[in-house]
Amino acid sequence: MHDIRNRTPFAAALAPMLDKHGRESAVIAIKGTFAIRNKSQALQPAEAQEAVVIGDVYHGEPDASSLKYEADTHPPKPGTDVSLLGHAYANPTGKNFVDAGLMIGGLSKVVRVFGDRVWFKTMGLWMPSEPRPFQRIPMLFEKAFGGKDFSHENPKKHSEESRNPVGTGYVTKGVDGFREDMPLPNVENPKDLIAGAGDKPAPAGFGLLAAHWLPRRAFAGTYDKAWKDKRF
């Protein structure tokens, strides 16, 4: 059994892994947690260091919630993942929506967070209701456009929004599947807001995309007959 002698102030873990050729290897993951105390000061190691995450952690059940933390043990990555866990707080001006953003160096992203809204029909058209007042709303993909539609009596016609199967507002039939008081997403892209019942914008948020969601799963490849016969 291998052991690690960790002389750093950070968390560390040893994890077995298979590479893309099926070869066994061991990955040492070192994880540092830092505190932002003052924007004019350099980052400082936090007093409590977060443990290395060995397996993916979801906000709830894996098939019914968004990804909270992805495993820290994985093959090398060419870039850096940036995510944000947090809430949007009520607009001090009294408006029932607020823009919330994240900026790191030259990287920035903004979402618009609304109070709860529902669809209602007027003059033959579906319209979103006025946002309700709110104190704070979690910026999760559960609050963004997406979801599943199991309303059809034929299970073969059940479907989901593969870019965000845990979101809200998705219906299989489009406008024909709408009903009174159907909720709208709370979190949207301010440059691609839902304007009509037929709109299906890309889900907006700061969280991590699960590997089985689009577009990530499109990079997983396929298993053809040769793979099954010779490698499986």
C-alpha atoms as a PDB file:
ATOM      1  CA  MET A   1       0.000   0.000   0.000  1.00  0.00           C
ATOM      2  CA  HIS A   2       1.490   3.336  -1.041  1.00  0.00           C
ATOM      3  CA  ASP A   3       1.587   6.270   1.341  1.00  0.00           C
ATOM      4  CA  ILE A   4       2.129  10.015   0.927  1.00  0.00           C
ATOM      5  CA  ARG A   5       4.427  12.117   3.051  1.00  0.00           C
ATOM      6  CA  ASN A   6       2.767  15.504   2.745  1.00  0.00           C
ATOM      7  CA  ARG A   7       5.017  18.353   3.854  1.00  0.00           C
ATOM      8  CA  THR A   8       2.765  21.073   2.453  1.00  0.00           C
ATOM      9  CA  PRO A   9       0.009  22.965   4.311  1.00  0.00           C
ATOM     10  CA  PHE A  10      -2.457  21.678   1.711  1.00  0.00           C
ATOM     11  CA  ALA A  11      -4.615  18.578   1.377  1.00  0.00           C
ATOM     12  CA  ALA A  12      -3.261  15.651  -0.650  1.00  0.00           C
ATOM     13  CA  ALA A  13      -4.492  12.262  -1.833  1.00  0.00           C
ATOM     14  CA  LEU A  14      -3.265   9.324  -3.895  1.00  0.00           C
ATOM     15  CA  ALA A  15      -5.742   7.929  -6.417  1.00  0.00           C
ATOM     16  CA  PRO A  16      -5.442   4.954  -8.797  1.00  0.00           C
ATOM     17  CA  MET A  17      -6.414   5.633 -12.403  1.00  0.00           C
ATOM     18  CA  LEU A  18      -6.554   4.124 -15.873  1.00  0.00           C
ATOM     19  CA  ASP A  19      -5.317   6.161 -18.819  1.00  0.00           C
ATOM     20  CA  LYS A  20      -6.978   6.118 -22.242  1.00  0.00           C
ATOM     21  CA  HIS A  21      -4.911   3.044 -23.191  1.00  0.00           C
ATOM     22  CA  GLY A  22      -6.059   1.105 -20.140  1.00  0.00           C
ATOM     23  CA  ARG A  23      -2.733   1.387 -18.321  1.00  0.00           C
ATOM     24  CA  GLU A  24      -2.784   1.645 -14.547  1.00  0.00           C
ATOM     25  CA  SER A  25      -1.261   4.678 -12.906  1.00  0.00           C
ATOM     26  CA  ALA A  26      -1.313   6.567  -9.640  1.00  0.00           C
ATOM     27  CA  VAL A  27      -2.183  10.250  -9.456  1.00  0.00           C
ATOM     28  CA  ILE A  28      -1.157  12.447  -6.557  1.00  0.00           C
ATOM     29  CA  ALA A  29      -3.577  15.343  -6.140  1.00  0.00           C
ATOM     30  CA  ILE A  30      -2.578  18.355  -4.049  1.00  0.00           C
ATOM     31  CA  LYS A  31      -5.386  20.800  -3.301  1.00  0.00           C
ATOM     32  CA  GLY A  32      -4.946  24.285  -1.899  1.00  0.00           C
ATOM     33  CA  THR A  33      -7.744  26.385  -0.420  1.00  0.00           C
ATOM     34  CA  PHE A  34      -7.163  30.136  -0.282  1.00  0.00           C
ATOM     35  CA  ALA A  35      -9.039  33.006   1.333  1.00  0.00           C
ATOM     36  CA  ILE A  36      -9.768  36.363  -0.277  1.00  0.00           C
ATOM     37  CA  ARG A  37      -9.617  38.807   2.640  1.00  0.00           C
ATOM     38  CA  ASN A  38      -8.832  42.026   0.812  1.00  0.00           C
ATOM     39  CA  LYS A  39      -8.679  42.637  -2.923  1.00  0.00           C
ATOM     40  CA  SER A  40      -5.499  44.666  -2.442  1.00  0.00           C
ATOM     41  CA  GLN A  41      -3.715  41.767  -0.717  1.00  0.00           C
ATOM     42  CA  ALA A  42      -2.328  38.536  -2.118  1.00  0.00           C
ATOM     43  CA  LEU A  43      -4.288  35.342  -1.574  1.00  0.00           C
ATOM     44  CA  GLN A  44      -3.576  33.622   1.727  1.00  0.00           C
ATOM     45  CA  PRO A  45      -3.939  29.893   2.530  1.00  0.00           C
ATOM     46  CA  ALA A  46      -7.214  29.354   4.383  1.00  0.00           C
ATOM     47  CA  GLU A  47      -7.103  28.111   7.956  1.00  0.00           C
ATOM     48  CA  ALA A  48      -9.343  25.159   7.034  1.00  0.00           C
ATOM     49  CA  GLN A  49      -8.173  23.306   3.925  1.00  0.00           C
ATOM     50  CA  GLU A  50     -10.808  21.545   1.822  1.00  0.00           C
ATOM     51  CA  ALA A  51     -10.227  17.818   1.365  1.00  0.00           C
ATOM     52  CA  VAL A  52      -9.412  16.332  -2.051  1.00  0.00           C
ATOM     53  CA  VAL A  53     -12.648  15.275  -3.766  1.00  0.00           C
ATOM     54  CA  ILE A  54     -12.256  11.682  -4.949  1.00  0.00           C
ATOM     55  CA  GLY A  55     -15.672  11.377  -6.643  1.00  0.00           C
ATOM     56  CA  ASP A  56     -18.155  13.823  -8.127  1.00  0.00           C
ATOM     57  CA  VAL A  57     -20.429  15.530  -5.588  1.00  0.00           C
ATOM     58  CA  TYR A  58     -23.924  16.698  -6.559  1.00  0.00           C
ATOM     59  CA  HIS A  59     -26.291  19.112  -4.839  1.00  0.00           C
ATOM     60  CA  GLY A  60     -28.760  16.225  -4.401  1.00  0.00           C
ATOM     61  CA  GLU A  61     -29.388  12.949  -6.188  1.00  0.00           C
ATOM     62  CA  PRO A  62     -26.953  12.619  -9.133  1.00  0.00           C
ATOM     63  CA  ASP A  63     -29.727  12.084 -11.704  1.00  0.00           C
ATOM     64  CA  ALA A  64     -31.862  14.932 -10.399  1.00  0.00           C
ATOM     65  CA  SER A  65     -29.473  17.720  -9.423  1.00  0.00           C
ATOM     66  CA  SER A  66     -26.527  19.708 -10.729  1.00  0.00           C
ATOM     67  CA  LEU A  67     -22.850  19.065 -10.125  1.00  0.00           C
ATOM     68  CA  LYS A  68     -21.461  20.795  -7.036  1.00  0.00           C
ATOM     69  CA  TYR A  69     -17.845  19.589  -7.069  1.00  0.00           C
ATOM     70  CA  GLU A  70     -16.150  17.524  -9.741  1.00  0.00           C
ATOM     71  CA  ALA A  71     -13.528  14.992  -8.700  1.00  0.00           C
ATOM     72  CA  ASP A  72     -10.075  16.485  -8.166  1.00  0.00           C
ATOM     73  CA  THR A  73      -8.427  13.276  -9.389  1.00  0.00           C
ATOM     74  CA  HIS A  74      -8.375  13.151 -13.187  1.00  0.00           C
ATOM     75  CA  PRO A  75      -5.932  13.193 -16.109  1.00  0.00           C
ATOM     76  CA  PRO A  76      -4.050  16.454 -16.732  1.00  0.00           C
ATOM     77  CA  LYS A  77      -6.121  19.353 -18.048  1.00  0.00           C
ATOM     78  CA  PRO A  78      -4.859  21.933 -20.551  1.00  0.00           C
ATOM     79  CA  GLY A  79      -6.848  24.711 -18.871  1.00  0.00           C
ATOM     80  CA  THR A  80      -8.434  25.815 -15.622  1.00  0.00           C
ATOM     81  CA  ASP A  81     -12.006  25.269 -14.490  1.00  0.00           C
ATOM     82  CA  VAL A  82     -13.736  28.278 -12.907  1.00  0.00           C
ATOM     83  CA  SER A  83     -17.029  27.855 -11.063  1.00  0.00           C
ATOM     84  CA  LEU A  84     -18.985  29.782  -8.466  1.00  0.00           C
ATOM     85  CA  LEU A  85     -21.262  28.595  -5.670  1.00  0.00           C
ATOM     86  CA  GLY A  86     -23.411  31.353  -4.258  1.00  0.00           C
ATOM     87  CA  HIS A  87     -26.647  33.328  -4.186  1.00  0.00           C
ATOM     88  CA  ALA A  88     -27.939  36.425  -5.897  1.00  0.00           C
ATOM     89  CA  TYR A  89     -29.322  38.964  -3.445  1.00  0.00           C
ATOM     90  CA  ALA A  90     -32.224  41.353  -3.941  1.00  0.00           C
ATOM     91  CA  ASN A  91     -31.630  44.528  -5.899  1.00  0.00           C
ATOM     92  CA  PRO A  92     -31.374  47.498  -3.480  1.00  0.00           C
ATOM     93  CA  THR A  93     -33.223  49.678  -6.017  1.00  0.00           C
ATOM     94  CA  GLY A  94     -36.378  47.631  -5.483  1.00  0.00           C
ATOM     95  CA  LYS A  95     -36.378  45.930  -8.889  1.00  0.00           C
ATOM     96  CA  ASN A  96     -37.358  42.263  -8.829  1.00  0.00           C
ATOM     97  CA  PHE A  97     -34.291  41.180 -10.777  1.00  0.00           C
ATOM     98  CA  VAL A  98     -30.565  41.694 -10.388  1.00  0.00           C
ATOM     99  CA  ASP A  99     -27.483  41.139 -12.540  1.00  0.00           C
ATOM    100  CA  ALA A 100     -24.808  39.032 -10.856  1.00  0.00           C
ATOM    101  CA  GLY A 101     -21.338  38.593 -12.252  1.00  0.00           C
ATOM    102  CA  LEU A 102     -17.950  36.986 -11.753  1.00  0.00           C
ATOM    103  CA  MET A 103     -14.672  38.477 -12.953  1.00  0.00           C
ATOM    104  CA  ILE A 104     -11.201  36.946 -12.696  1.00  0.00           C
ATOM    105  CA  GLY A 105      -8.500  38.806 -14.612  1.00  0.00           C
ATOM    106  CA  GLY A 106      -9.759  39.145 -18.183  1.00  0.00           C
ATOM    107  CA  LEU A 107     -12.471  36.505 -17.688  1.00  0.00           C
ATOM    108  CA  SER A 108     -15.983  37.694 -16.864  1.00  0.00           C
ATOM    109  CA  LYS A 109     -19.528  36.376 -16.948  1.00  0.00           C
ATOM    110  CA  VAL A 110     -22.896  37.881 -15.982  1.00  0.00           C
ATOM    111  CA  VAL A 111     -26.326  36.354 -15.390  1.00  0.00           C
ATOM    112  CA  ARG A 112     -29.664  38.019 -14.725  1.00  0.00           C
ATOM    113  CA  VAL A 113     -31.570  36.635 -11.756  1.00  0.00           C
ATOM    114  CA  PHE A 114     -35.332  37.144 -11.542  1.00  0.00           C
ATOM    115  CA  GLY A 115     -37.796  36.573  -8.756  1.00  0.00           C
ATOM    116  CA  ASP A 116     -40.208  33.688  -9.324  1.00  0.00           C
ATOM    117  CA  ARG A 117     -42.289  34.003 -12.512  1.00  0.00           C
ATOM    118  CA  VAL A 118     -44.914  31.858 -14.233  1.00  0.00           C
ATOM    119  CA  TRP A 119     -46.465  31.714 -17.696  1.00  0.00           C
ATOM    120  CA  PHE A 120     -50.017  32.988 -18.130  1.00  0.00           C
ATOM    121  CA  LYS A 121     -52.181  33.340 -21.213  1.00  0.00           C
ATOM    122  CA  THR A 122     -53.632  36.641 -22.333  1.00  0.00           C
ATOM    123  CA  MET A 123     -55.181  37.559 -25.671  1.00  0.00           C
ATOM    124  CA  GLY A 124     -54.210  34.101 -26.952  1.00  0.00           C
ATOM    125  CA  LEU A 125     -50.505  34.616 -26.167  1.00  0.00           C
ATOM    126  CA  TRP A 126     -48.338  33.151 -23.422  1.00  0.00           C
ATOM    127  CA  MET A 127     -46.649  35.844 -21.372  1.00  0.00           C
ATOM    128  CA  PRO A 128     -44.324  35.741 -18.350  1.00  0.00           C
ATOM    129  CA  SER A 129     -45.718  37.206 -15.156  1.00  0.00           C
ATOM    130  CA  GLU A 130     -43.963  40.010 -13.311  1.00  0.00           C
ATOM    131  CA  PRO A 131     -41.117  38.708 -11.111  1.00  0.00           C
ATOM    132  CA  ARG A 132     -42.029  38.285  -7.454  1.00  0.00           C
ATOM    133  CA  PRO A 133     -39.937  40.008  -4.777  1.00  0.00           C
ATOM    134  CA  PHE A 134     -37.105  37.882  -3.367  1.00  0.00           C
ATOM    135  CA  GLN A 135     -34.406  38.097  -0.729  1.00  0.00           C
ATOM    136  CA  ARG A 136     -31.904  35.709  -2.285  1.00  0.00           C
ATOM    137  CA  ILE A 137     -31.896  32.992  -4.952  1.00  0.00           C
ATOM    138  CA  PRO A 138     -29.262  30.260  -5.361  1.00  0.00           C
ATOM    139  CA  MET A 139     -27.447  30.506  -8.699  1.00  0.00           C
ATOM    140  CA  LEU A 140     -27.792  26.826  -9.592  1.00  0.00           C
ATOM    141  CA  PHE A 141     -28.599  25.129 -12.880  1.00  0.00           C
ATOM    142  CA  GLU A 142     -31.816  23.967 -11.204  1.00  0.00           C
ATOM    143  CA  LYS A 143     -32.879  27.611 -11.534  1.00  0.00           C
ATOM    144  CA  ALA A 144     -31.826  27.941 -15.207  1.00  0.00           C
ATOM    145  CA  PHE A 145     -33.625  26.876 -18.383  1.00  0.00           C
ATOM    146  CA  GLY A 146     -33.888  23.120 -18.840  1.00  0.00           C
ATOM    147  CA  GLY A 147     -35.544  20.135 -17.231  1.00  0.00           C
ATOM    148  CA  LYS A 148     -37.423  16.993 -18.236  1.00  0.00           C
ATOM    149  CA  ASP A 149     -40.910  16.464 -19.615  1.00  0.00           C
ATOM    150  CA  PHE A 150     -42.610  13.191 -18.633  1.00  0.00           C
ATOM    151  CA  SER A 151     -46.141  14.464 -19.174  1.00  0.00           C
ATOM    152  CA  HIS A 152     -46.932  12.371 -22.276  1.00  0.00           C
ATOM    153  CA  GLU A 153     -48.706   9.082 -21.626  1.00  0.00           C
ATOM    154  CA  ASN A 154     -46.307   7.321 -24.019  1.00  0.00           C
ATOM    155  CA  PRO A 155     -42.909   6.890 -22.290  1.00  0.00           C
ATOM    156  CA  LYS A 156     -41.189   6.855 -25.691  1.00  0.00           C
ATOM    157  CA  LYS A 157     -42.179  10.516 -26.079  1.00  0.00           C
ATOM    158  CA  HIS A 158     -40.629  11.612 -22.811  1.00  0.00           C
ATOM    159  CA  SER A 159     -37.662  13.907 -23.317  1.00  0.00           C
ATOM    160  CA  GLU A 160     -35.219  16.229 -21.603  1.00  0.00           C
ATOM    161  CA  GLU A 161     -33.148  19.317 -22.265  1.00  0.00           C
ATOM    162  CA  SER A 162     -29.782  17.589 -22.602  1.00  0.00           C
ATOM    163  CA  ARG A 163     -27.832  20.794 -21.909  1.00  0.00           C
ATOM    164  CA  ASN A 164     -29.446  20.965 -18.460  1.00  0.00           C
ATOM    165  CA  PRO A 165     -31.774  18.091 -17.544  1.00  0.00           C
ATOM    166  CA  VAL A 166     -32.317  19.411 -13.986  1.00  0.00           C
ATOM    167  CA  GLY A 167     -33.499  22.924 -14.933  1.00  0.00           C
ATOM    168  CA  THR A 168     -36.951  24.428 -15.311  1.00  0.00           C
ATOM    169  CA  GLY A 169     -39.154  25.610 -18.182  1.00  0.00           C
ATOM    170  CA  TYR A 170     -38.537  22.858 -20.744  1.00  0.00           C
ATOM    171  CA  VAL A 171     -41.486  21.144 -22.472  1.00  0.00           C
ATOM    172  CA  THR A 172     -41.375  18.541 -25.251  1.00  0.00           C
ATOM    173  CA  LYS A 173     -44.164  20.020 -27.376  1.00  0.00           C
ATOM    174  CA  GLY A 174     -43.004  23.611 -27.179  1.00  0.00           C
ATOM    175  CA  VAL A 175     -45.888  26.069 -26.915  1.00  0.00           C
ATOM    176  CA  ASP A 176     -48.464  23.264 -27.244  1.00  0.00           C
ATOM    177  CA  GLY A 177     -47.220  21.751 -23.999  1.00  0.00           C
ATOM    178  CA  PHE A 178     -47.602  24.919 -21.925  1.00  0.00           C
ATOM    179  CA  ARG A 179     -50.008  25.247 -19.021  1.00  0.00           C
ATOM    180  CA  GLU A 180     -51.055  28.032 -16.679  1.00  0.00           C
ATOM    181  CA  ASP A 181     -48.655  28.752 -13.819  1.00  0.00           C
ATOM    182  CA  MET A 182     -45.754  26.874 -15.409  1.00  0.00           C
ATOM    183  CA  PRO A 183     -42.584  28.356 -13.862  1.00  0.00           C
ATOM    184  CA  LEU A 184     -39.942  30.229 -15.834  1.00  0.00           C
ATOM    185  CA  PRO A 185     -36.231  30.046 -15.061  1.00  0.00           C
ATOM    186  CA  ASN A 186     -34.883  32.377 -12.393  1.00  0.00           C
ATOM    187  CA  VAL A 187     -31.394  32.575 -13.917  1.00  0.00           C
ATOM    188  CA  GLU A 188     -30.882  33.728 -17.522  1.00  0.00           C
ATOM    189  CA  ASN A 189     -28.274  35.189 -19.826  1.00  0.00           C
ATOM    190  CA  PRO A 190     -29.043  38.952 -20.019  1.00  0.00           C
ATOM    191  CA  LYS A 191     -28.017  38.883 -23.711  1.00  0.00           C
ATOM    192  CA  ASP A 192     -30.383  35.985 -24.485  1.00  0.00           C
ATOM    193  CA  LEU A 193     -33.480  36.493 -22.351  1.00  0.00           C
ATOM    194  CA  ILE A 194     -36.619  34.443 -22.852  1.00  0.00           C
ATOM    195  CA  ALA A 195     -38.994  36.648 -24.819  1.00  0.00           C
ATOM    196  CA  GLY A 196     -41.611  34.131 -25.952  1.00  0.00           C
ATOM    197  CA  ALA A 197     -42.975  30.705 -25.105  1.00  0.00           C
ATOM    198  CA  GLY A 198     -41.042  29.035 -27.926  1.00  0.00           C
ATOM    199  CA  ASP A 199     -37.608  30.258 -26.825  1.00  0.00           C
ATOM    200  CA  LYS A 200     -35.064  27.640 -25.733  1.00  0.00           C
ATOM    201  CA  PRO A 201     -31.948  29.572 -24.698  1.00  0.00           C
ATOM    202  CA  ALA A 202     -28.705  27.985 -23.562  1.00  0.00           C
ATOM    203  CA  PRO A 203     -28.841  27.419 -19.785  1.00  0.00           C
ATOM    204  CA  ALA A 204     -27.079  30.195 -17.856  1.00  0.00           C
ATOM    205  CA  GLY A 205     -25.093  29.730 -14.669  1.00  0.00           C
ATOM    206  CA  PHE A 206     -21.722  29.554 -12.952  1.00  0.00           C
ATOM    207  CA  GLY A 207     -21.765  25.876 -11.994  1.00  0.00           C
ATOM    208  CA  LEU A 208     -19.921  22.891 -13.440  1.00  0.00           C
ATOM    209  CA  LEU A 209     -21.433  20.907 -16.303  1.00  0.00           C
ATOM    210  CA  ALA A 210     -21.818  17.201 -15.586  1.00  0.00           C
ATOM    211  CA  ALA A 211     -20.008  14.837 -17.969  1.00  0.00           C
ATOM    212  CA  HIS A 212     -23.292  13.332 -19.218  1.00  0.00           C
ATOM    213  CA  TRP A 213     -24.734  16.737 -20.178  1.00  0.00           C
ATOM    214  CA  LEU A 214     -24.293  18.388 -23.543  1.00  0.00           C
ATOM    215  CA  PRO A 215     -21.940  19.649 -24.820  1.00  0.00           C
ATOM    216  CA  ARG A 216     -19.515  17.565 -22.704  1.00  0.00           C
ATOM    217  CA  ARG A 217     -20.902  14.149 -23.555  1.00  0.00           C
ATOM    218  CA  ALA A 218     -20.382  14.858 -27.272  1.00  0.00           C
ATOM    219  CA  PHE A 219     -16.630  14.503 -26.594  1.00  0.00           C
ATOM    220  CA  ALA A 220     -16.963  11.060 -24.988  1.00  0.00           C
ATOM    221  CA  GLY A 221     -16.638   9.221 -28.298  1.00  0.00           C
ATOM    222  CA  THR A 222     -18.438   6.054 -29.336  1.00  0.00           C
ATOM    223  CA  TYR A 223     -17.945   2.342 -28.799  1.00  0.00           C
ATOM    224  CA  ASP A 224     -18.037   0.570 -32.139  1.00  0.00           C
ATOM    225  CA  LYS A 225     -17.966  -3.158 -32.900  1.00  0.00           C
ATOM    226  CA  ALA A 226     -14.169  -3.239 -33.105  1.00  0.00           C
ATOM    227  CA  TRP A 227     -13.866  -1.762 -29.609  1.00  0.00           C
ATOM    228  CA  LYS A 228     -16.384  -4.226 -28.201  1.00  0.00           C
ATOM    229  CA  ASP A 229     -14.687  -7.202 -29.888  1.00  0.00           C
ATOM    230  CA  LYS A 230     -11.052  -6.334 -29.195  1.00  0.00           C
ATOM    231  CA  ARG A 231     -10.863  -4.012 -26.204  1.00  0.00           C
ATOM    232  CA  PHE A 232     -13.951  -4.461 -24.037  1.00  0.00           C
END
